[in-house]
C-alpha atoms as a PDB file:
ATOM      1  CA  MET A   1     -19.961  -9.795   5.738  1.00  0.00           C
ATOM      2  CA  LYS A   2     -17.973  -9.588   2.581  1.00  0.00           C
ATOM      3  CA  LYS A   3     -14.991  -7.265   2.361  1.00  0.00           C
ATOM      4  CA  LYS A   4     -16.714  -4.873  -0.031  1.00  0.00           C
ATOM      5  CA  THR A   5     -19.890  -4.751   2.072  1.00  0.00           C
ATOM      6  CA  THR A   6     -17.939  -3.879   5.202  1.00  0.00           C
ATOM      7  CA  SER A   7     -16.196  -1.040   3.351  1.00  0.00           C
ATOM      8  CA  TRP A   8     -19.542   0.356   2.206  1.00  0.00           C
ATOM      9  CA  VAL A   9     -20.962   0.161   5.729  1.00  0.00           C
ATOM     10  CA  VAL A  10     -17.947   2.003   7.196  1.00  0.00           C
ATOM     11  CA  THR A  11     -18.217   4.674   4.478  1.00  0.00           C
ATOM     12  CA  GLY A  12     -21.974   5.068   4.999  1.00  0.00           C
ATOM     13  CA  VAL A  13     -21.706   5.335   8.770  1.00  0.00           C
ATOM     14  CA  GLY A  14     -18.934   7.885   8.298  1.00  0.00           C
ATOM     15  CA  ALA A  15     -21.184   9.951   6.045  1.00  0.00           C
ATOM     16  CA  ILE A  16     -23.977   9.878   8.633  1.00  0.00           C
ATOM     17  CA  VAL A  17     -21.607  10.874  11.450  1.00  0.00           C
ATOM     18  CA  THR A  18     -20.178  13.681   9.299  1.00  0.00           C
ATOM     19  CA  GLY A  19     -23.668  15.042   8.666  1.00  0.00           C
ATOM     20  CA  ALA A  20     -24.526  14.842  12.351  1.00  0.00           C
ATOM     21  CA  GLY A  21     -21.364  16.733  13.218  1.00  0.00           C
ATOM     22  CA  TYR A  22     -22.172  19.525  10.789  1.00  0.00           C
ATOM     23  CA  LEU A  23     -25.704  19.781  12.164  1.00  0.00           C
ATOM     24  CA  LEU A  24     -24.418  19.933  15.739  1.00  0.00           C
ATOM     25  CA  GLY A  25     -21.981  22.747  14.967  1.00  0.00           C
ATOM     26  CA  GLY A  26     -19.376  24.335  17.223  1.00  0.00           C
ATOM     27  CA  ASN A  27     -16.092  22.782  18.266  1.00  0.00           C
ATOM     28  CA  ILE A  28     -17.668  19.479  19.259  1.00  0.00           C
ATOM     29  CA  GLY A  29     -19.497  19.241  15.932  1.00  0.00           C
ATOM     30  CA  THR A  30     -16.265  19.928  14.052  1.00  0.00           C
ATOM     31  CA  GLY A  31     -14.552  17.087  15.911  1.00  0.00           C
ATOM     32  CA  ILE A  32     -17.423  14.719  15.218  1.00  0.00           C
ATOM     33  CA  ALA A  33     -17.465  15.711  11.532  1.00  0.00           C
ATOM     34  CA  GLY A  34     -13.714  15.083  11.283  1.00  0.00           C
ATOM     35  CA  PHE A  35     -14.164  11.669  12.881  1.00  0.00           C
ATOM     36  CA  GLY A  36     -16.863  10.869  10.307  1.00  0.00           C
ATOM     37  CA  LEU A  37     -14.727  12.102   7.415  1.00  0.00           C
ATOM     38  CA  ALA A  38     -11.888   9.866   8.592  1.00  0.00           C
ATOM     39  CA  HIS A  39     -14.247   6.880   8.391  1.00  0.00           C
ATOM     40  CA  VAL A  40     -15.325   7.876   4.891  1.00  0.00           C
ATOM     41  CA  VAL A  41     -11.700   8.056   3.757  1.00  0.00           C
ATOM     42  CA  LEU A  42     -10.707   4.782   5.440  1.00  0.00           C
ATOM     43  CA  GLY A  43     -13.759   2.945   4.096  1.00  0.00           C
ATOM     44  CA  THR A  44     -13.050   4.193   0.578  1.00  0.00           C
ATOM     45  CA  LEU A  45      -9.370   3.231   0.775  1.00  0.00           C
ATOM     46  CA  ASP A  46     -10.353  -0.208   2.051  1.00  0.00           C
ATOM     47  CA  MET A  47     -12.408  -0.778  -1.100  1.00  0.00           C
ATOM     48  CA  PHE A  48      -9.292  -0.446  -3.241  1.00  0.00           C
ATOM     49  CA  ARG A  49      -6.967  -2.463  -1.006  1.00  0.00           C
ATOM     50  CA  PRO A  50      -5.781  -5.695  -2.605  1.00  0.00           C
ATOM     51  CA  SER A  51      -7.134  -8.709  -0.825  1.00  0.00           C
ATOM     52  CA  ILE A  52      -4.676 -10.521   1.435  1.00  0.00           C
ATOM     53  CA  HIS A  53      -6.594 -13.799   1.237  1.00  0.00           C
ATOM     54  CA  LYS A  54      -7.156 -14.941  -2.320  1.00  0.00           C
END
């Protein structure tokens, strides 16, 4: 996979996990939603990271 594609996949999976966490609710759901939000943030930051290999 290309770098940009991997970032989009991580962001998309994070969005799905965040939604699942909100639907689950409670303390467990909050933890799952936070885990998903972390993936969204990391995937988005990875899109803007300068490439190490040029």
